[in-house]
């Protein structure tokens, strides 16, 4: 199954996640992006004002092979092509 329609994806996520969890998605993405760019877990936590445990969770998922799409979209130079993919402006 794939969801190709933006409104369908939004409906799916709103049904699956709480409003607070939806609000956390951009910050969680930023955690992973910063880790992929080489920031330490402590730097990410301090720069984003989040707990170290939250950052550690993202780091553990990276270590487990998650976020392949972010690795591809981020590219080798750390550019932010991923922002366009998720509907953010560059």
PDB file of N, CA and C in Angstrom:
ATOM      1  N   UNK A   1       0.837  -1.177   0.000  1.00  0.00           N
ATOM      2  CA  UNK A   1       0.000   0.000   0.000  1.00  0.00           C
ATOM      3  C   UNK A   1       0.883   1.243   0.000  1.00  0.00           C
ATOM      4  N   UNK A   2       0.522   2.202  -0.804  1.00  0.00           N
ATOM      5  CA  UNK A   2       1.215   3.486  -0.797  1.00  0.00           C
ATOM      6  C   UNK A   2       0.183   4.592  -0.689  1.00  0.00           C
ATOM      7  N   UNK A   3       0.598   5.701  -0.119  1.00  0.00           N
ATOM      8  CA  UNK A   3      -0.253   6.886  -0.045  1.00  0.00           C
ATOM      9  C   UNK A   3       0.432   7.949  -0.877  1.00  0.00           C
ATOM     10  N   UNK A   4      -0.183   8.292  -1.995  1.00  0.00           N
ATOM     11  CA  UNK A   4       0.413   9.252  -2.914  1.00  0.00           C
ATOM     12  C   UNK A   4      -0.200  10.640  -2.802  1.00  0.00           C
ATOM     13  N   UNK A   5      -1.345  10.737  -2.176  1.00  0.00           N
ATOM     14  CA  UNK A   5      -2.068  11.999  -2.081  1.00  0.00           C
ATOM     15  C   UNK A   5      -1.763  12.675  -0.744  1.00  0.00           C
ATOM     16  N   UNK A   6      -1.418  13.948  -0.795  1.00  0.00           N
ATOM     17  CA  UNK A   6      -1.050  14.691   0.415  1.00  0.00           C
ATOM     18  C   UNK A   6      -2.199  14.724   1.423  1.00  0.00           C
ATOM     19  N   UNK A   7      -3.411  14.945   0.957  1.00  0.00           N
ATOM     20  CA  UNK A   7      -4.561  15.003   1.867  1.00  0.00           C
ATOM     21  C   UNK A   7      -4.835  13.640   2.494  1.00  0.00           C
ATOM     22  N   UNK A   8      -4.650  12.592   1.731  1.00  0.00           N
ATOM     23  CA  UNK A   8      -4.837  11.243   2.252  1.00  0.00           C
ATOM     24  C   UNK A   8      -3.799  10.939   3.332  1.00  0.00           C
ATOM     25  N   UNK A   9      -2.560  11.373   3.114  1.00  0.00           N
ATOM     26  CA  UNK A   9      -1.505  11.179   4.110  1.00  0.00           C
ATOM     27  C   UNK A   9      -1.817  11.977   5.370  1.00  0.00           C
ATOM     28  N   UNK A  10      -2.267  13.199   5.193  1.00  0.00           N
ATOM     29  CA  UNK A  10      -2.615  14.024   6.353  1.00  0.00           C
ATOM     30  C   UNK A  10      -3.738  13.372   7.156  1.00  0.00           C
ATOM     31  N   UNK A  11      -4.763  12.872   6.477  1.00  0.00           N
ATOM     32  CA  UNK A  11      -5.865  12.190   7.142  1.00  0.00           C
ATOM     33  C   UNK A  11      -5.356  10.965   7.903  1.00  0.00           C
ATOM     34  N   UNK A  12      -4.484  10.193   7.274  1.00  0.00           N
ATOM     35  CA  UNK A  12      -3.910   9.009   7.893  1.00  0.00           C
ATOM     36  C   UNK A  12      -3.145   9.366   9.166  1.00  0.00           C
ATOM     37  N   UNK A  13      -2.273  10.375   9.066  1.00  0.00           N
ATOM     38  CA  UNK A  13      -1.463  10.766  10.216  1.00  0.00           C
ATOM     39  C   UNK A  13      -2.304  11.359  11.338  1.00  0.00           C
ATOM     40  N   UNK A  14      -3.311  12.141  10.992  1.00  0.00           N
ATOM     41  CA  UNK A  14      -4.194  12.715  12.024  1.00  0.00           C
ATOM     42  C   UNK A  14      -4.976  11.628  12.749  1.00  0.00           C
ATOM     43  N   UNK A  15      -5.285  10.550  12.072  1.00  0.00           N
ATOM     44  CA  UNK A  15      -5.972   9.439  12.719  1.00  0.00           C
ATOM     45  C   UNK A  15      -5.053   8.593  13.568  1.00  0.00           C
ATOM     46  N   UNK A  16      -3.778   8.563  13.209  1.00  0.00           N
ATOM     47  CA  UNK A  16      -2.805   7.715  13.884  1.00  0.00           C
ATOM     48  C   UNK A  16      -2.150   8.396  15.081  1.00  0.00           C
ATOM     49  N   UNK A  17      -1.887   9.686  14.960  1.00  0.00           N
ATOM     50  CA  UNK A  17      -1.109  10.407  15.961  1.00  0.00           C
ATOM     51  C   UNK A  17      -1.958  11.428  16.707  1.00  0.00           C
ATOM     52  N   UNK A  18      -1.547  11.737  17.922  1.00  0.00           N
ATOM     53  CA  UNK A  18      -2.202  12.794  18.683  1.00  0.00           C
ATOM     54  C   UNK A  18      -1.756  14.144  18.127  1.00  0.00           C
ATOM     55  N   UNK A  19      -2.491  15.215  18.435  1.00  0.00           N
ATOM     56  CA  UNK A  19      -2.047  16.539  17.981  1.00  0.00           C
ATOM     57  C   UNK A  19      -0.629  16.875  18.463  1.00  0.00           C
ATOM     58  N   UNK A  20      -0.300  16.481  19.682  1.00  0.00           N
ATOM     59  CA  UNK A  20       1.053  16.750  20.199  1.00  0.00           C
ATOM     60  C   UNK A  20       2.103  15.982  19.401  1.00  0.00           C
ATOM     61  N   UNK A  21       1.807  14.737  19.050  1.00  0.00           N
ATOM     62  CA  UNK A  21       2.750  13.941  18.261  1.00  0.00           C
ATOM     63  C   UNK A  21       2.931  14.532  16.867  1.00  0.00           C
ATOM     64  N   UNK A  22       1.856  15.034  16.288  1.00  0.00           N
ATOM     65  CA  UNK A  22       1.954  15.689  14.973  1.00  0.00           C
ATOM     66  C   UNK A  22       2.860  16.910  15.043  1.00  0.00           C
ATOM     67  N   UNK A  23       2.745  17.656  16.127  1.00  0.00           N
ATOM     68  CA  UNK A  23       3.573  18.854  16.305  1.00  0.00           C
ATOM     69  C   UNK A  23       5.051  18.506  16.436  1.00  0.00           C
ATOM     70  N   UNK A  24       5.354  17.309  16.920  1.00  0.00           N
ATOM     71  CA  UNK A  24       6.743  16.898  17.144  1.00  0.00           C
ATOM     72  C   UNK A  24       7.447  16.426  15.871  1.00  0.00           C
ATOM     73  N   UNK A  25       6.714  16.116  14.825  1.00  0.00           N
ATOM     74  CA  UNK A  25       7.318  15.544  13.621  1.00  0.00           C
ATOM     75  C   UNK A  25       8.426  16.422  13.040  1.00  0.00           C
ATOM     76  N   UNK A  26       8.204  17.717  12.818  1.00  0.00           N
ATOM     77  CA  UNK A  26       9.300  18.523  12.242  1.00  0.00           C
ATOM     78  C   UNK A  26      10.546  18.539  13.122  1.00  0.00           C
ATOM     79  N   UNK A  27      10.359  18.584  14.441  1.00  0.00           N
ATOM     80  CA  UNK A  27      11.506  18.589  15.336  1.00  0.00           C
ATOM     81  C   UNK A  27      12.238  17.252  15.300  1.00  0.00           C
ATOM     82  N   UNK A  28      11.493  16.161  15.245  1.00  0.00           N
ATOM     83  CA  UNK A  28      12.123  14.839  15.169  1.00  0.00           C
ATOM     84  C   UNK A  28      12.915  14.695  13.871  1.00  0.00           C
ATOM     85  N   UNK A  29      12.357  15.215  12.777  1.00  0.00           N
ATOM     86  CA  UNK A  29      13.086  15.191  11.508  1.00  0.00           C
ATOM     87  C   UNK A  29      14.374  15.999  11.613  1.00  0.00           C
ATOM     88  N   UNK A  30      14.281  17.136  12.263  1.00  0.00           N
ATOM     89  CA  UNK A  30      15.465  17.983  12.422  1.00  0.00           C
ATOM     90  C   UNK A  30      16.540  17.274  13.247  1.00  0.00           C
ATOM     91  N   UNK A  31      16.127  16.510  14.252  1.00  0.00           N
ATOM     92  CA  UNK A  31      17.082  15.739  15.050  1.00  0.00           C
ATOM     93  C   UNK A  31      17.859  14.784  14.155  1.00  0.00           C
ATOM     94  N   UNK A  32      17.138  14.027  13.342  1.00  0.00           N
ATOM     95  CA  UNK A  32      17.788  13.038  12.483  1.00  0.00           C
ATOM     96  C   UNK A  32      18.688  13.723  11.456  1.00  0.00           C
ATOM     97  N   UNK A  33      18.211  14.807  10.876  1.00  0.00           N
ATOM     98  CA  UNK A  33      19.016  15.527   9.887  1.00  0.00           C
ATOM     99  C   UNK A  33      20.310  16.025  10.513  1.00  0.00           C
ATOM    100  N   UNK A  34      20.223  16.593  11.690  1.00  0.00           N
ATOM    101  CA  UNK A  34      21.427  17.100  12.355  1.00  0.00           C
ATOM    102  C   UNK A  34      22.399  15.970  12.691  1.00  0.00           C
ATOM    103  N   UNK A  35      21.865  14.837  13.119  1.00  0.00           N
ATOM    104  CA  UNK A  35      22.734  13.686  13.386  1.00  0.00           C
ATOM    105  C   UNK A  35      23.418  13.220  12.104  1.00  0.00           C
ATOM    106  N   UNK A  36      22.670  13.188  11.011  1.00  0.00           N
ATOM    107  CA  UNK A  36      23.251  12.785   9.732  1.00  0.00           C
ATOM    108  C   UNK A  36      24.326  13.767   9.266  1.00  0.00           C
ATOM    109  N   UNK A  37      24.189  15.021   9.650  1.00  0.00           N
ATOM    110  CA  UNK A  37      25.187  16.028   9.279  1.00  0.00           C
ATOM    111  C   UNK A  37      26.423  15.962  10.163  1.00  0.00           C
ATOM    112  N   UNK A  38      26.383  15.131  11.210  1.00  0.00           N
ATOM    113  CA  UNK A  38      27.565  14.947  12.028  1.00  0.00           C
ATOM    114  C   UNK A  38      27.555  15.618  13.384  1.00  0.00           C
ATOM    115  N   UNK A  39      26.456  16.277  13.761  1.00  0.00           N
ATOM    116  CA  UNK A  39      26.396  16.865  15.096  1.00  0.00           C
ATOM    117  C   UNK A  39      26.348  15.747  16.135  1.00  0.00           C
ATOM    118  N   UNK A  40      26.935  15.998  17.274  1.00  0.00           N
ATOM    119  CA  UNK A  40      26.859  15.021  18.351  1.00  0.00           C
ATOM    120  C   UNK A  40      25.459  15.051  18.965  1.00  0.00           C
ATOM    121  N   UNK A  41      25.138  13.993  19.685  1.00  0.00           N
ATOM    122  CA  UNK A  41      23.828  13.942  20.337  1.00  0.00           C
ATOM    123  C   UNK A  41      23.661  15.102  21.312  1.00  0.00           C
ATOM    124  N   UNK A  42      24.685  15.407  22.046  1.00  0.00           N
ATOM    125  CA  UNK A  42      24.601  16.514  23.014  1.00  0.00           C
ATOM    126  C   UNK A  42      24.424  17.861  22.312  1.00  0.00           C
ATOM    127  N   UNK A  43      25.107  18.055  21.190  1.00  0.00           N
ATOM    128  CA  UNK A  43      24.945  19.297  20.429  1.00  0.00           C
ATOM    129  C   UNK A  43      23.514  19.433  19.929  1.00  0.00           C
ATOM    130  N   UNK A  44      22.971  18.347  19.374  1.00  0.00           N
ATOM    131  CA  UNK A  44      21.608  18.373  18.860  1.00  0.00           C
ATOM    132  C   UNK A  44      20.634  18.710  19.976  1.00  0.00           C
ATOM    133  N   UNK A  45      20.770  18.043  21.116  1.00  0.00           N
ATOM    134  CA  UNK A  45      19.869  18.286  22.248  1.00  0.00           C
ATOM    135  C   UNK A  45      19.933  19.751  22.685  1.00  0.00           C
ATOM    136  N   UNK A  46      21.143  20.280  22.798  1.00  0.00           N
ATOM    137  CA  UNK A  46      21.306  21.671  23.228  1.00  0.00           C
ATOM    138  C   UNK A  46      20.768  22.652  22.191  1.00  0.00           C
ATOM    139  N   UNK A  47      21.095  22.421  20.921  1.00  0.00           N
ATOM    140  CA  UNK A  47      20.681  23.341  19.855  1.00  0.00           C
ATOM    141  C   UNK A  47      19.178  23.365  19.640  1.00  0.00           C
ATOM    142  N   UNK A  48      18.518  22.236  19.846  1.00  0.00           N
ATOM    143  CA  UNK A  48      17.072  22.169  19.618  1.00  0.00           C
ATOM    144  C   UNK A  48      16.266  22.275  20.903  1.00  0.00           C
ATOM    145  N   UNK A  49      16.935  22.258  22.038  1.00  0.00           N
ATOM    146  CA  UNK A  49      16.230  22.370  23.311  1.00  0.00           C
ATOM    147  C   UNK A  49      15.373  21.154  23.630  1.00  0.00           C
ATOM    148  N   UNK A  50      15.884  19.977  23.285  1.00  0.00           N
ATOM    149  CA  UNK A  50      15.169  18.729  23.567  1.00  0.00           C
ATOM    150  C   UNK A  50      16.015  17.879  24.506  1.00  0.00           C
ATOM    151  N   UNK A  51      15.385  16.880  25.081  1.00  0.00           N
ATOM    152  CA  UNK A  51      16.101  15.995  25.975  1.00  0.00           C
ATOM    153  C   UNK A  51      17.061  15.078  25.234  1.00  0.00           C
ATOM    154  N   UNK A  52      18.119  14.726  25.913  1.00  0.00           N
ATOM    155  CA  UNK A  52      19.107  13.825  25.326  1.00  0.00           C
ATOM    156  C   UNK A  52      18.482  12.473  24.984  1.00  0.00           C
ATOM    157  N   UNK A  53      17.512  12.025  25.766  1.00  0.00           N
ATOM    158  CA  UNK A  53      16.848  10.740  25.489  1.00  0.00           C
ATOM    159  C   UNK A  53      16.119  10.767  24.147  1.00  0.00           C
ATOM    160  N   UNK A  54      15.527  11.906  23.808  1.00  0.00           N
ATOM    161  CA  UNK A  54      14.836  12.038  22.523  1.00  0.00           C
ATOM    162  C   UNK A  54      15.829  11.918  21.375  1.00  0.00           C
ATOM    163  N   UNK A  55      16.966  12.568  21.523  1.00  0.00           N
ATOM    164  CA  UNK A  55      18.007  12.517  20.489  1.00  0.00           C
ATOM    165  C   UNK A  55      18.593  11.103  20.406  1.00  0.00           C
ATOM    166  N   UNK A  56      18.794  10.485  21.556  1.00  0.00           N
ATOM    167  CA  UNK A  56      19.341   9.132  21.582  1.00  0.00           C
ATOM    168  C   UNK A  56      18.424   8.162  20.859  1.00  0.00           C
ATOM    169  N   UNK A  57      17.133   8.353  20.987  1.00  0.00           N
ATOM    170  CA  UNK A  57      16.183   7.490  20.280  1.00  0.00           C
ATOM    171  C   UNK A  57      16.379   7.620  18.775  1.00  0.00           C
ATOM    172  N   UNK A  58      16.510   8.855  18.294  1.00  0.00           N
ATOM    173  CA  UNK A  58      16.755   9.059  16.870  1.00  0.00           C
ATOM    174  C   UNK A  58      18.071   8.443  16.427  1.00  0.00           C
ATOM    175  N   UNK A  59      19.098   8.595  17.253  1.00  0.00           N
ATOM    176  CA  UNK A  59      20.412   8.027  16.923  1.00  0.00           C
ATOM    177  C   UNK A  59      20.348   6.503  16.874  1.00  0.00           C
ATOM    178  N   UNK A  60      19.608   5.923  17.798  1.00  0.00           N
ATOM    179  CA  UNK A  60      19.478   4.454  17.829  1.00  0.00           C
ATOM    180  C   UNK A  60      18.770   3.958  16.565  1.00  0.00           C
ATOM    181  N   UNK A  61      17.737   4.667  16.139  1.00  0.00           N
ATOM    182  CA  UNK A  61      17.024   4.281  14.923  1.00  0.00           C
ATOM    183  C   UNK A  61      17.909   4.428  13.690  1.00  0.00           C
ATOM    184  N   UNK A  62      18.734   5.460  13.658  1.00  0.00           N
ATOM    185  CA  UNK A  62      19.706   5.596  12.564  1.00  0.00           C
ATOM    186  C   UNK A  62      20.655   4.411  12.548  1.00  0.00           C
ATOM    187  N   UNK A  63      21.147   4.044  13.720  1.00  0.00           N
ATOM    188  CA  UNK A  63      22.073   2.918  13.835  1.00  0.00           C
ATOM    189  C   UNK A  63      21.407   1.615  13.381  1.00  0.00           C
ATOM    190  N   UNK A  64      20.098   1.505  13.590  1.00  0.00           N
ATOM    191  CA  UNK A  64      19.348   0.316  13.194  1.00  0.00           C
ATOM    192  C   UNK A  64      18.947   0.330  11.717  1.00  0.00           C
ATOM    193  N   UNK A  65      19.418   1.336  10.972  1.00  0.00           N
ATOM    194  CA  UNK A  65      19.173   1.371   9.534  1.00  0.00           C
ATOM    195  C   UNK A  65      17.925   2.111   9.099  1.00  0.00           C
ATOM    196  N   UNK A  66      17.283   2.810  10.008  1.00  0.00           N
ATOM    197  CA  UNK A  66      16.094   3.571   9.641  1.00  0.00           C
ATOM    198  C   UNK A  66      16.485   4.853   8.913  1.00  0.00           C
ATOM    199  N   UNK A  67      15.491   5.526   8.375  1.00  0.00           N
ATOM    200  CA  UNK A  67      15.632   6.843   7.738  1.00  0.00           C
ATOM    201  C   UNK A  67      16.447   6.802   6.455  1.00  0.00           C
ATOM    202  N   UNK A  68      16.361   5.690   5.726  1.00  0.00           N
ATOM    203  CA  UNK A  68      17.099   5.589   4.455  1.00  0.00           C
ATOM    204  C   UNK A  68      16.715   6.709   3.504  1.00  0.00           C
ATOM    205  N   UNK A  69      15.435   7.056   3.493  1.00  0.00           N
ATOM    206  CA  UNK A  69      14.985   8.110   2.581  1.00  0.00           C
ATOM    207  C   UNK A  69      15.621   9.445   2.942  1.00  0.00           C
ATOM    208  N   UNK A  70      15.789   9.726   4.232  1.00  0.00           N
ATOM    209  CA  UNK A  70      16.448  10.971   4.619  1.00  0.00           C
ATOM    210  C   UNK A  70      17.914  10.964   4.222  1.00  0.00           C
ATOM    211  N   UNK A  71      18.544   9.829   4.339  1.00  0.00           N
ATOM    212  CA  UNK A  71      19.946   9.729   3.908  1.00  0.00           C
ATOM    213  C   UNK A  71      20.063  10.055   2.420  1.00  0.00           C
ATOM    214  N   UNK A  72      19.132   9.503   1.624  1.00  0.00           N
ATOM    215  CA  UNK A  72      19.156   9.762   0.173  1.00  0.00           C
ATOM    216  C   UNK A  72      18.843  11.221  -0.130  1.00  0.00           C
ATOM    217  N   UNK A  73      17.795  11.756   0.502  1.00  0.00           N
ATOM    218  CA  UNK A  73      17.374  13.117   0.211  1.00  0.00           C
ATOM    219  C   UNK A  73      18.377  14.151   0.702  1.00  0.00           C
ATOM    220  N   UNK A  74      19.059  13.827   1.785  1.00  0.00           N
ATOM    221  CA  UNK A  74      20.050  14.756   2.324  1.00  0.00           C
ATOM    222  C   UNK A  74      21.274  14.814   1.430  1.00  0.00           C
ATOM    223  N   UNK A  75      21.599  13.701   0.802  1.00  0.00           N
ATOM    224  CA  UNK A  75      22.733  13.671  -0.114  1.00  0.00           C
ATOM    225  C   UNK A  75      24.061  13.685   0.618  1.00  0.00           C
ATOM    226  N   UNK A  76      25.118  13.676  -0.133  1.00  0.00           N
ATOM    227  CA  UNK A  76      26.454  13.589   0.438  1.00  0.00           C
ATOM    228  C   UNK A  76      26.985  14.880   1.015  1.00  0.00           C
ATOM    229  N   UNK A  77      26.431  16.013   0.621  1.00  0.00           N
ATOM    230  CA  UNK A  77      26.999  17.283   1.070  1.00  0.00           C
ATOM    231  C   UNK A  77      26.207  17.932   2.194  1.00  0.00           C
ATOM    232  N   UNK A  78      25.161  17.279   2.671  1.00  0.00           N
ATOM    233  CA  UNK A  78      24.385  17.842   3.765  1.00  0.00           C
ATOM    234  C   UNK A  78      23.415  18.917   3.317  1.00  0.00           C
ATOM    235  N   UNK A  79      23.047  18.914   2.026  1.00  0.00           N
ATOM    236  CA  UNK A  79      22.086  19.917   1.588  1.00  0.00           C
ATOM    237  C   UNK A  79      20.688  19.548   2.082  1.00  0.00           C
ATOM    238  N   UNK A  80      19.752  20.420   1.892  1.00  0.00           N
ATOM    239  CA  UNK A  80      18.428  20.228   2.463  1.00  0.00           C
ATOM    240  C   UNK A  80      17.365  19.919   1.420  1.00  0.00           C
ATOM    241  N   UNK A  81      17.677  19.025   0.483  1.00  0.00           N
ATOM    242  CA  UNK A  81      16.681  18.613  -0.500  1.00  0.00           C
ATOM    243  C   UNK A  81      15.457  18.020   0.177  1.00  0.00           C
ATOM    244  N   UNK A  82      15.640  17.445   1.354  1.00  0.00           N
ATOM    245  CA  UNK A  82      14.545  16.815   2.073  1.00  0.00           C
ATOM    246  C   UNK A  82      13.430  17.799   2.390  1.00  0.00           C
ATOM    247  N   UNK A  83      13.753  19.078   2.572  1.00  0.00           N
ATOM    248  CA  UNK A  83      12.732  20.080   2.928  1.00  0.00           C
ATOM    249  C   UNK A  83      11.667  20.166   1.842  1.00  0.00           C
ATOM    250  N   UNK A  84      12.084  20.116   0.598  1.00  0.00           N
ATOM    251  CA  UNK A  84      11.137  20.164  -0.508  1.00  0.00           C
ATOM    252  C   UNK A  84      10.249  18.924  -0.487  1.00  0.00           C
ATOM    253  N   UNK A  85      10.843  17.786  -0.203  1.00  0.00           N
ATOM    254  CA  UNK A  85      10.110  16.535  -0.171  1.00  0.00           C
ATOM    255  C   UNK A  85       8.977  16.577   0.859  1.00  0.00           C
ATOM    256  N   UNK A  86       9.252  17.185   2.019  1.00  0.00           N
ATOM    257  CA  UNK A  86       8.258  17.230   3.076  1.00  0.00           C
ATOM    258  C   UNK A  86       7.373  18.475   3.012  1.00  0.00           C
ATOM    259  N   UNK A  87       7.522  19.270   1.949  1.00  0.00           N
ATOM    260  CA  UNK A  87       6.645  20.413   1.756  1.00  0.00           C
ATOM    261  C   UNK A  87       7.108  21.686   2.411  1.00  0.00           C
ATOM    262  N   UNK A  88       8.354  21.745   2.876  1.00  0.00           N
ATOM    263  CA  UNK A  88       8.895  22.963   3.432  1.00  0.00           C
ATOM    264  C   UNK A  88       9.584  23.721   2.314  1.00  0.00           C
ATOM    265  N   UNK A  89       9.649  25.034   2.446  1.00  0.00           N
ATOM    266  CA  UNK A  89      10.355  25.824   1.434  1.00  0.00           C
ATOM    267  C   UNK A  89      11.844  25.801   1.714  1.00  0.00           C
ATOM    268  N   UNK A  90      12.637  25.862   0.655  1.00  0.00           N
ATOM    269  CA  UNK A  90      14.106  25.949   0.814  1.00  0.00           C
ATOM    270  C   UNK A  90      14.501  27.366   1.148  1.00  0.00           C
TER     271      UNK A  90
END
